[in-house]
Amino acid sequence: MTLTKLFGKNYKWWYFLVFSMTRITKFKLTIFGYRVGEIIQAISIILVWQANTLAKPTSEINGIMTYFIIGYLFMVVTRTYITNSLPSLIATGKLAQYQMYPQSMFRLLLTRGVGNSIMTNSLSILTTPIFIIPFWHYVLPVSNGLTSILVLIFFLVFSLWMKYMWEMIVSCIAFITPEYQGIVNSSDIVWQVLAGSLIPFYLLNPNLQFLQYFAPSFTFYHPMQIYLGKYDTNQTILVFLGGLIWCIVLYILAKIVFKLGLKRNESVGL
């Protein structure tokens, strides 16, 4: 089967995806450097929660540790890295090269991000288990077996899509100011907090329970609740619909913000 039959006449994005995957392999040391820092952060969080749950029943300790260990693996698989490159392309004017392609610039940038994620996350997954082996005995098996695994796969797709769209939106700050790095870094931290990667929302004050309805929570908190079997069928369906709605909302916002950014670039002659 030819690429034309498989993808249609306009399949050049496929070559761009392969090129992006090949290109990112040049930065193996950089990827490893990022991963070491993230692993140190993850281990620190796990150790803190381990120390705070020692006096609790074994089942509760295993539950909270599973939440962070499996959650960290879920987070690794859904890294996008768009904010590592797109703001720089915008600020330096190199984004203009994408305007010369016949394909949609938005789709090309998304394809570039997908290619980078596939290779980067694959390399990261190879090194991650080494650092969490000491805690593996805490990990509980996925509840509800195959059903939960299938739901988690859907949330994996949701998580990647939401993160792509969110990082596209944040990257557009570079259309306004070349001093974007601090804002980008802060947005990553805010996302982690709102995702529930530092503390499970069900342990928070009832007045803060609304945090679980924001988009980031569908990329960490809710998938881990499903993994642990905390949700019944109706709750899982509602969470699934909530994730789908956020995917649509963030996509629309990303398209609007990106178009506004391009118009601003054109107005100042970039």
C-alpha atoms as a PDB file:
ATOM      1  CA  MET A   1       0.000   0.000   0.000  1.00  0.00           C
ATOM      2  CA  THR A   2       1.494   3.332  -1.043  1.00  0.00           C
ATOM      3  CA  LEU A   3       1.562   6.428   1.156  1.00  0.00           C
ATOM      4  CA  THR A   4      -0.882   8.057  -1.265  1.00  0.00           C
ATOM      5  CA  LYS A   5      -3.457   5.317  -0.690  1.00  0.00           C
ATOM      6  CA  LEU A   6      -2.835   5.310   3.052  1.00  0.00           C
ATOM      7  CA  PHE A   7      -2.802   9.060   3.762  1.00  0.00           C
ATOM      8  CA  GLY A   8      -4.276  10.622   0.655  1.00  0.00           C
ATOM      9  CA  LYS A   9      -2.574  12.973  -1.806  1.00  0.00           C
ATOM     10  CA  ASN A  10      -1.408  15.433   0.811  1.00  0.00           C
ATOM     11  CA  TYR A  11       0.827  13.151   2.894  1.00  0.00           C
ATOM     12  CA  LYS A  12       3.950  15.323   3.116  1.00  0.00           C
ATOM     13  CA  TRP A  13       3.344  15.763   6.842  1.00  0.00           C
ATOM     14  CA  TRP A  14       4.432  12.114   7.201  1.00  0.00           C
ATOM     15  CA  TYR A  15       7.942  12.950   5.981  1.00  0.00           C
ATOM     16  CA  PHE A  16       8.008  15.956   8.271  1.00  0.00           C
ATOM     17  CA  LEU A  17       7.091  13.706  11.200  1.00  0.00           C
ATOM     18  CA  VAL A  18       9.908  11.265  10.365  1.00  0.00           C
ATOM     19  CA  PHE A  19      12.354  14.154   9.913  1.00  0.00           C
ATOM     20  CA  SER A  20      11.394  15.571  13.340  1.00  0.00           C
ATOM     21  CA  MET A  21      11.851  12.168  14.967  1.00  0.00           C
ATOM     22  CA  THR A  22      15.274  11.726  13.382  1.00  0.00           C
ATOM     23  CA  ARG A  23      16.419  15.259  14.189  1.00  0.00           C
ATOM     24  CA  ILE A  24      15.641  15.058  17.898  1.00  0.00           C
ATOM     25  CA  THR A  25      17.942  12.055  18.363  1.00  0.00           C
ATOM     26  CA  LYS A  26      20.897  14.466  18.142  1.00  0.00           C
ATOM     27  CA  PHE A  27      19.971  15.798  21.575  1.00  0.00           C
ATOM     28  CA  LYS A  28      20.207  12.594  23.625  1.00  0.00           C
ATOM     29  CA  LEU A  29      22.404  14.227  26.294  1.00  0.00           C
ATOM     30  CA  THR A  30      20.015  17.168  26.602  1.00  0.00           C
ATOM     31  CA  ILE A  31      17.074  14.788  26.988  1.00  0.00           C
ATOM     32  CA  PHE A  32      18.940  12.837  29.649  1.00  0.00           C
ATOM     33  CA  GLY A  33      19.752  16.088  31.454  1.00  0.00           C
ATOM     34  CA  TYR A  34      16.110  17.109  31.576  1.00  0.00           C
ATOM     35  CA  ARG A  35      15.102  13.644  32.716  1.00  0.00           C
ATOM     36  CA  VAL A  36      17.585  13.572  35.605  1.00  0.00           C
ATOM     37  CA  GLY A  37      16.138  16.790  37.020  1.00  0.00           C
ATOM     38  CA  GLU A  38      12.567  15.539  36.665  1.00  0.00           C
ATOM     39  CA  ILE A  39      13.459  12.195  38.245  1.00  0.00           C
ATOM     40  CA  ILE A  40      15.071  13.936  41.233  1.00  0.00           C
ATOM     41  CA  GLN A  41      11.897  15.996  41.648  1.00  0.00           C
ATOM     42  CA  ALA A  42       9.693  12.895  41.376  1.00  0.00           C
ATOM     43  CA  ILE A  43      11.774  10.923  43.876  1.00  0.00           C
ATOM     44  CA  SER A  44      11.688  13.856  46.313  1.00  0.00           C
ATOM     45  CA  ILE A  45       7.897  13.976  46.121  1.00  0.00           C
ATOM     46  CA  ILE A  46       7.648  10.202  46.589  1.00  0.00           C
ATOM     47  CA  LEU A  47       9.971  10.293  49.622  1.00  0.00           C
ATOM     48  CA  VAL A  48       7.981  13.120  51.232  1.00  0.00           C
ATOM     49  CA  TRP A  49       4.721  11.229  50.817  1.00  0.00           C
ATOM     50  CA  GLN A  50       6.355   8.019  51.992  1.00  0.00           C
ATOM     51  CA  ALA A  51       7.460   9.752  55.193  1.00  0.00           C
ATOM     52  CA  ASN A  52       3.973  11.177  55.758  1.00  0.00           C
ATOM     53  CA  THR A  53       2.122   7.894  55.273  1.00  0.00           C
ATOM     54  CA  LEU A  54       4.273   5.506  57.346  1.00  0.00           C
ATOM     55  CA  ALA A  55       1.803   5.556  60.244  1.00  0.00           C
ATOM     56  CA  LYS A  56      -1.161   4.788  57.978  1.00  0.00           C
ATOM     57  CA  PRO A  57      -2.542   1.385  56.918  1.00  0.00           C
ATOM     58  CA  THR A  58      -0.539  -0.469  54.268  1.00  0.00           C
ATOM     59  CA  SER A  59      -3.348  -0.220  51.719  1.00  0.00           C
ATOM     60  CA  GLU A  60      -3.446   3.574  52.057  1.00  0.00           C
ATOM     61  CA  ILE A  61       0.348   3.827  51.797  1.00  0.00           C
ATOM     62  CA  ASN A  62       0.363   1.676  48.667  1.00  0.00           C
ATOM     63  CA  GLY A  63      -2.476   3.720  47.187  1.00  0.00           C
ATOM     64  CA  ILE A  64      -0.786   7.085  47.615  1.00  0.00           C
ATOM     65  CA  MET A  65       2.599   5.772  46.458  1.00  0.00           C
ATOM     66  CA  THR A  66       1.016   4.150  43.398  1.00  0.00           C
ATOM     67  CA  TYR A  67      -0.661   7.464  42.643  1.00  0.00           C
ATOM     68  CA  PHE A  68       2.697   9.241  42.361  1.00  0.00           C
ATOM     69  CA  ILE A  69       4.809   6.447  40.853  1.00  0.00           C
ATOM     70  CA  ILE A  70       2.400   5.469  38.071  1.00  0.00           C
ATOM     71  CA  GLY A  71       1.410   9.115  37.717  1.00  0.00           C
ATOM     72  CA  TYR A  72       5.030  10.028  37.079  1.00  0.00           C
ATOM     73  CA  LEU A  73       5.293   7.372  34.363  1.00  0.00           C
ATOM     74  CA  PHE A  74       2.066   8.703  32.833  1.00  0.00           C
ATOM     75  CA  MET A  75       3.517  12.212  32.913  1.00  0.00           C
ATOM     76  CA  VAL A  76       6.741  11.081  31.210  1.00  0.00           C
ATOM     77  CA  VAL A  77       4.846   9.471  28.338  1.00  0.00           C
ATOM     78  CA  THR A  78       2.814  12.661  27.766  1.00  0.00           C
ATOM     79  CA  ARG A  79       5.664  15.192  27.606  1.00  0.00           C
ATOM     80  CA  THR A  80       5.381  17.468  24.552  1.00  0.00           C
ATOM     81  CA  TYR A  81       8.387  19.846  24.689  1.00  0.00           C
ATOM     82  CA  ILE A  82       6.722  22.363  22.377  1.00  0.00           C
ATOM     83  CA  THR A  83       7.606  25.260  24.679  1.00  0.00           C
ATOM     84  CA  ASN A  84      11.271  24.254  24.366  1.00  0.00           C
ATOM     85  CA  SER A  85      11.347  25.280  20.714  1.00  0.00           C
ATOM     86  CA  LEU A  86       8.270  27.122  19.441  1.00  0.00           C
ATOM     87  CA  PRO A  87       8.742  30.351  21.467  1.00  0.00           C
ATOM     88  CA  SER A  88      12.307  30.573  20.167  1.00  0.00           C
ATOM     89  CA  LEU A  89      11.125  30.106  16.578  1.00  0.00           C
ATOM     90  CA  ILE A  90       8.642  32.926  17.073  1.00  0.00           C
ATOM     91  CA  ALA A  91      11.016  35.317  18.859  1.00  0.00           C
ATOM     92  CA  THR A  92      13.863  34.845  16.350  1.00  0.00           C
ATOM     93  CA  GLY A  93      11.635  35.104  13.284  1.00  0.00           C
ATOM     94  CA  LYS A  94      12.492  31.573  12.159  1.00  0.00           C
ATOM     95  CA  LEU A  95       8.800  30.731  12.224  1.00  0.00           C
ATOM     96  CA  ALA A  96       8.576  32.426   8.813  1.00  0.00           C
ATOM     97  CA  GLN A  97      10.156  29.376   7.172  1.00  0.00           C
ATOM     98  CA  TYR A  98       7.001  27.399   7.944  1.00  0.00           C
ATOM     99  CA  GLN A  99       4.928  29.920   5.982  1.00  0.00           C
ATOM    100  CA  MET A 100       6.667  28.718   2.822  1.00  0.00           C
ATOM    101  CA  TYR A 101       5.173  25.229   3.093  1.00  0.00           C
ATOM    102  CA  PRO A 102       1.885  24.471   1.294  1.00  0.00           C
ATOM    103  CA  GLN A 103       0.542  22.696   4.392  1.00  0.00           C
ATOM    104  CA  SER A 104      -1.114  24.415   7.341  1.00  0.00           C
ATOM    105  CA  MET A 105       1.522  25.985   9.608  1.00  0.00           C
ATOM    106  CA  PHE A 106      -0.458  25.014  12.695  1.00  0.00           C
ATOM    107  CA  ARG A 107      -0.540  21.364  11.599  1.00  0.00           C
ATOM    108  CA  LEU A 108       3.146  21.374  10.676  1.00  0.00           C
ATOM    109  CA  LEU A 109       4.101  22.685  14.103  1.00  0.00           C
ATOM    110  CA  LEU A 110       1.845  20.106  15.712  1.00  0.00           C
ATOM    111  CA  THR A 111       3.456  17.360  13.602  1.00  0.00           C
ATOM    112  CA  ARG A 112       6.887  18.625  14.601  1.00  0.00           C
ATOM    113  CA  GLY A 113       5.870  18.429  18.238  1.00  0.00           C
ATOM    114  CA  VAL A 114       4.492  14.904  17.829  1.00  0.00           C
ATOM    115  CA  GLY A 115       7.735  13.723  16.215  1.00  0.00           C
ATOM    116  CA  ASN A 116       9.825  15.257  18.993  1.00  0.00           C
ATOM    117  CA  SER A 117       7.601  13.712  21.666  1.00  0.00           C
ATOM    118  CA  ILE A 118       7.692  10.210  20.194  1.00  0.00           C
ATOM    119  CA  MET A 119      11.479  10.000  20.191  1.00  0.00           C
ATOM    120  CA  THR A 120      12.111  12.021  23.351  1.00  0.00           C
ATOM    121  CA  ASN A 121       9.576  10.123  25.433  1.00  0.00           C
ATOM    122  CA  SER A 122      10.811   6.794  24.064  1.00  0.00           C
ATOM    123  CA  LEU A 123      14.350   7.620  25.179  1.00  0.00           C
ATOM    124  CA  SER A 124      13.036   8.821  28.542  1.00  0.00           C
ATOM    125  CA  ILE A 125      11.029   5.647  29.170  1.00  0.00           C
ATOM    126  CA  LEU A 126      14.198   3.569  28.785  1.00  0.00           C
ATOM    127  CA  THR A 127      15.895   5.362  31.704  1.00  0.00           C
ATOM    128  CA  THR A 128      12.952   6.041  34.013  1.00  0.00           C
ATOM    129  CA  PRO A 129      12.389   2.529  35.500  1.00  0.00           C
ATOM    130  CA  ILE A 130      15.948   2.426  36.847  1.00  0.00           C
ATOM    131  CA  PHE A 131      15.182   5.301  39.215  1.00  0.00           C
ATOM    132  CA  ILE A 132      11.838   4.045  40.534  1.00  0.00           C
ATOM    133  CA  ILE A 133      12.777   0.388  41.104  1.00  0.00           C
ATOM    134  CA  PRO A 134      13.328   1.012  44.862  1.00  0.00           C
ATOM    135  CA  PHE A 135       9.667   2.022  45.183  1.00  0.00           C
ATOM    136  CA  TRP A 136       8.144  -0.547  42.850  1.00  0.00           C
ATOM    137  CA  HIS A 137       6.966  -2.831  45.670  1.00  0.00           C
ATOM    138  CA  TYR A 138       4.413  -0.164  46.610  1.00  0.00           C
ATOM    139  CA  VAL A 139       2.719  -0.221  43.212  1.00  0.00           C
ATOM    140  CA  LEU A 140      -0.758  -1.715  43.039  1.00  0.00           C
ATOM    141  CA  PRO A 141      -1.978  -3.434  39.856  1.00  0.00           C
ATOM    142  CA  VAL A 142      -4.434  -1.543  37.680  1.00  0.00           C
ATOM    143  CA  SER A 143      -7.987  -2.020  38.915  1.00  0.00           C
ATOM    144  CA  ASN A 144     -10.719  -3.426  36.658  1.00  0.00           C
ATOM    145  CA  GLY A 145      -8.098  -4.958  34.376  1.00  0.00           C
ATOM    146  CA  LEU A 146      -8.510  -4.457  30.625  1.00  0.00           C
ATOM    147  CA  THR A 147     -11.331  -1.915  30.965  1.00  0.00           C
ATOM    148  CA  SER A 148      -9.201   0.483  33.000  1.00  0.00           C
ATOM    149  CA  ILE A 149      -6.249  -0.004  30.660  1.00  0.00           C
ATOM    150  CA  LEU A 150      -8.359   0.958  27.639  1.00  0.00           C
ATOM    151  CA  VAL A 151      -9.708   4.023  29.437  1.00  0.00           C
ATOM    152  CA  LEU A 152      -6.159   5.018  30.419  1.00  0.00           C
ATOM    153  CA  ILE A 153      -5.071   4.768  26.778  1.00  0.00           C
ATOM    154  CA  PHE A 154      -7.833   7.209  25.838  1.00  0.00           C
ATOM    155  CA  PHE A 155      -6.654   9.541  28.586  1.00  0.00           C
ATOM    156  CA  LEU A 156      -3.118   9.194  27.271  1.00  0.00           C
ATOM    157  CA  VAL A 157      -4.323  10.616  23.952  1.00  0.00           C
ATOM    158  CA  PHE A 158      -6.357  13.304  25.746  1.00  0.00           C
ATOM    159  CA  SER A 159      -3.344  14.271  27.854  1.00  0.00           C
ATOM    160  CA  LEU A 160      -1.038  14.619  24.862  1.00  0.00           C
ATOM    161  CA  TRP A 161      -3.586  16.635  22.927  1.00  0.00           C
ATOM    162  CA  MET A 162      -4.364  18.994  25.830  1.00  0.00           C
ATOM    163  CA  LYS A 163      -0.678  19.540  26.526  1.00  0.00           C
ATOM    164  CA  TYR A 164       0.045  20.220  22.858  1.00  0.00           C
ATOM    165  CA  MET A 165      -2.719  22.803  22.700  1.00  0.00           C
ATOM    166  CA  TRP A 166      -1.817  24.403  26.031  1.00  0.00           C
ATOM    167  CA  GLU A 167       1.846  24.711  25.084  1.00  0.00           C
ATOM    168  CA  MET A 168       0.908  26.185  21.704  1.00  0.00           C
ATOM    169  CA  ILE A 169      -1.122  28.822  23.559  1.00  0.00           C
ATOM    170  CA  VAL A 170       1.660  29.576  26.050  1.00  0.00           C
ATOM    171  CA  SER A 171       4.287  29.707  23.288  1.00  0.00           C
ATOM    172  CA  CYS A 172       2.351  32.505  21.607  1.00  0.00           C
ATOM    173  CA  ILE A 173       3.525  34.856  24.372  1.00  0.00           C
ATOM    174  CA  ALA A 174       6.678  35.136  22.235  1.00  0.00           C
ATOM    175  CA  PHE A 175       4.613  37.048  19.659  1.00  0.00           C
ATOM    176  CA  ILE A 176       4.262  39.795  22.286  1.00  0.00           C
ATOM    177  CA  THR A 177       7.627  39.834  24.042  1.00  0.00           C
ATOM    178  CA  PRO A 178      11.047  38.214  23.525  1.00  0.00           C
ATOM    179  CA  GLU A 179      11.262  37.784  27.309  1.00  0.00           C
ATOM    180  CA  TYR A 180       9.071  34.720  27.323  1.00  0.00           C
ATOM    181  CA  GLN A 181      11.189  32.209  29.249  1.00  0.00           C
ATOM    182  CA  GLY A 182       9.985  33.085  32.751  1.00  0.00           C
ATOM    183  CA  ILE A 183       6.333  32.959  31.720  1.00  0.00           C
ATOM    184  CA  VAL A 184       6.818  29.626  29.942  1.00  0.00           C
ATOM    185  CA  ASN A 185       8.573  28.090  32.956  1.00  0.00           C
ATOM    186  CA  SER A 186       5.896  29.382  35.322  1.00  0.00           C
ATOM    187  CA  SER A 187       3.158  27.948  33.118  1.00  0.00           C
ATOM    188  CA  ASP A 188       4.805  24.508  33.346  1.00  0.00           C
ATOM    189  CA  ILE A 189       4.839  24.734  37.153  1.00  0.00           C
ATOM    190  CA  VAL A 190       1.207  25.896  37.271  1.00  0.00           C
ATOM    191  CA  TRP A 191       0.210  22.997  35.025  1.00  0.00           C
ATOM    192  CA  GLN A 192       1.969  20.486  37.298  1.00  0.00           C
ATOM    193  CA  VAL A 193       0.216  21.865  40.372  1.00  0.00           C
ATOM    194  CA  LEU A 194      -3.198  21.901  38.698  1.00  0.00           C
ATOM    195  CA  ALA A 195      -2.600  18.390  37.366  1.00  0.00           C
ATOM    196  CA  GLY A 196      -2.430  17.051  40.923  1.00  0.00           C
ATOM    197  CA  SER A 197       1.167  15.860  40.563  1.00  0.00           C
ATOM    198  CA  LEU A 198       2.161  17.376  43.913  1.00  0.00           C
ATOM    199  CA  ILE A 199      -0.898  16.533  45.997  1.00  0.00           C
ATOM    200  CA  PRO A 200      -4.065  14.535  45.209  1.00  0.00           C
ATOM    201  CA  PHE A 201      -7.065  16.854  45.110  1.00  0.00           C
ATOM    202  CA  TYR A 202      -9.232  14.578  47.242  1.00  0.00           C
ATOM    203  CA  LEU A 203      -6.953  15.399  50.198  1.00  0.00           C
ATOM    204  CA  LEU A 204      -7.449  19.136  49.835  1.00  0.00           C
ATOM    205  CA  ASN A 205      -9.904  21.378  51.633  1.00  0.00           C
ATOM    206  CA  PRO A 206     -13.420  21.006  50.121  1.00  0.00           C
ATOM    207  CA  ASN A 207     -13.218  24.639  49.023  1.00  0.00           C
ATOM    208  CA  LEU A 208     -10.368  23.674  46.660  1.00  0.00           C
ATOM    209  CA  GLN A 209     -12.069  20.652  45.116  1.00  0.00           C
ATOM    210  CA  PHE A 210     -12.954  22.761  42.062  1.00  0.00           C
ATOM    211  CA  LEU A 211      -9.327  22.347  40.895  1.00  0.00           C
ATOM    212  CA  GLN A 212     -10.173  18.866  39.640  1.00  0.00           C
ATOM    213  CA  TYR A 213     -12.352  20.373  36.903  1.00  0.00           C
ATOM    214  CA  PHE A 214      -9.515  22.240  35.167  1.00  0.00           C
ATOM    215  CA  ALA A 215      -7.839  20.752  32.097  1.00  0.00           C
ATOM    216  CA  PRO A 216      -4.522  19.755  33.787  1.00  0.00           C
ATOM    217  CA  SER A 217      -6.305  17.400  36.199  1.00  0.00           C
ATOM    218  CA  PHE A 218      -7.321  15.236  33.245  1.00  0.00           C
ATOM    219  CA  THR A 219      -3.640  14.598  32.489  1.00  0.00           C
ATOM    220  CA  PHE A 220      -2.686  13.214  35.920  1.00  0.00           C
ATOM    221  CA  TYR A 221      -5.244  13.257  38.726  1.00  0.00           C
ATOM    222  CA  HIS A 222      -8.216  11.641  36.968  1.00  0.00           C
ATOM    223  CA  PRO A 223      -6.202   8.953  35.119  1.00  0.00           C
ATOM    224  CA  MET A 224      -4.649   7.913  38.434  1.00  0.00           C
ATOM    225  CA  GLN A 225      -8.060   7.786  40.130  1.00  0.00           C
ATOM    226  CA  ILE A 226      -9.225   5.472  37.353  1.00  0.00           C
ATOM    227  CA  TYR A 227      -6.060   3.348  37.725  1.00  0.00           C
ATOM    228  CA  LEU A 228      -6.741   2.964  41.449  1.00  0.00           C
ATOM    229  CA  GLY A 229     -10.402   2.146  40.908  1.00  0.00           C
ATOM    230  CA  LYS A 230     -11.690   5.216  42.770  1.00  0.00           C
ATOM    231  CA  TYR A 231     -14.349   5.987  40.136  1.00  0.00           C
ATOM    232  CA  ASP A 232     -17.421   3.970  39.294  1.00  0.00           C
ATOM    233  CA  THR A 233     -18.685   3.613  35.712  1.00  0.00           C
ATOM    234  CA  ASN A 234     -20.786   6.793  35.759  1.00  0.00           C
ATOM    235  CA  GLN A 235     -17.948   8.893  37.170  1.00  0.00           C
ATOM    236  CA  THR A 236     -15.536   7.485  34.591  1.00  0.00           C
ATOM    237  CA  ILE A 237     -17.920   8.385  31.756  1.00  0.00           C
ATOM    238  CA  LEU A 238     -18.342  11.929  33.114  1.00  0.00           C
ATOM    239  CA  VAL A 239     -14.574  12.340  33.440  1.00  0.00           C
ATOM    240  CA  PHE A 240     -14.129  11.005  29.893  1.00  0.00           C
ATOM    241  CA  LEU A 241     -16.635  13.555  28.569  1.00  0.00           C
ATOM    242  CA  GLY A 242     -14.943  16.304  30.568  1.00  0.00           C
ATOM    243  CA  GLY A 243     -11.586  15.429  29.016  1.00  0.00           C
ATOM    244  CA  LEU A 244     -13.118  15.420  25.538  1.00  0.00           C
ATOM    245  CA  ILE A 245     -14.668  18.858  26.102  1.00  0.00           C
ATOM    246  CA  TRP A 246     -11.339  20.283  27.308  1.00  0.00           C
ATOM    247  CA  CYS A 247      -9.614  18.865  24.208  1.00  0.00           C
ATOM    248  CA  ILE A 248     -12.062  20.763  21.994  1.00  0.00           C
ATOM    249  CA  VAL A 249     -11.911  23.983  24.029  1.00  0.00           C
ATOM    250  CA  LEU A 250      -8.104  24.087  24.116  1.00  0.00           C
ATOM    251  CA  TYR A 251      -7.907  23.326  20.384  1.00  0.00           C
ATOM    252  CA  ILE A 252     -10.220  26.238  19.556  1.00  0.00           C
ATOM    253  CA  LEU A 253      -8.277  28.565  21.869  1.00  0.00           C
ATOM    254  CA  ALA A 254      -4.927  27.460  20.426  1.00  0.00           C
ATOM    255  CA  LYS A 255      -6.096  28.097  16.873  1.00  0.00           C
ATOM    256  CA  ILE A 256      -7.454  31.551  17.772  1.00  0.00           C
ATOM    257  CA  VAL A 257      -4.404  32.644  19.773  1.00  0.00           C
ATOM    258  CA  PHE A 258      -1.980  31.364  17.127  1.00  0.00           C
ATOM    259  CA  LYS A 259      -3.815  33.176  14.328  1.00  0.00           C
ATOM    260  CA  LEU A 260      -3.847  36.394  16.358  1.00  0.00           C
ATOM    261  CA  GLY A 261      -0.121  36.000  16.938  1.00  0.00           C
ATOM    262  CA  LEU A 262       0.555  35.544  13.227  1.00  0.00           C
ATOM    263  CA  LYS A 263      -1.470  38.642  12.419  1.00  0.00           C
ATOM    264  CA  ARG A 264       0.578  40.626  14.911  1.00  0.00           C
ATOM    265  CA  ASN A 265       3.767  39.365  13.284  1.00  0.00           C
ATOM    266  CA  GLU A 266       2.527  40.393   9.861  1.00  0.00           C
ATOM    267  CA  SER A 267       1.526  43.841  11.107  1.00  0.00           C
ATOM    268  CA  VAL A 268       5.074  44.600  12.285  1.00  0.00           C
ATOM    269  CA  GLY A 269       6.708  43.044   9.228  1.00  0.00           C
ATOM    270  CA  LEU A 270       8.207  39.899  10.780  1.00  0.00           C
END
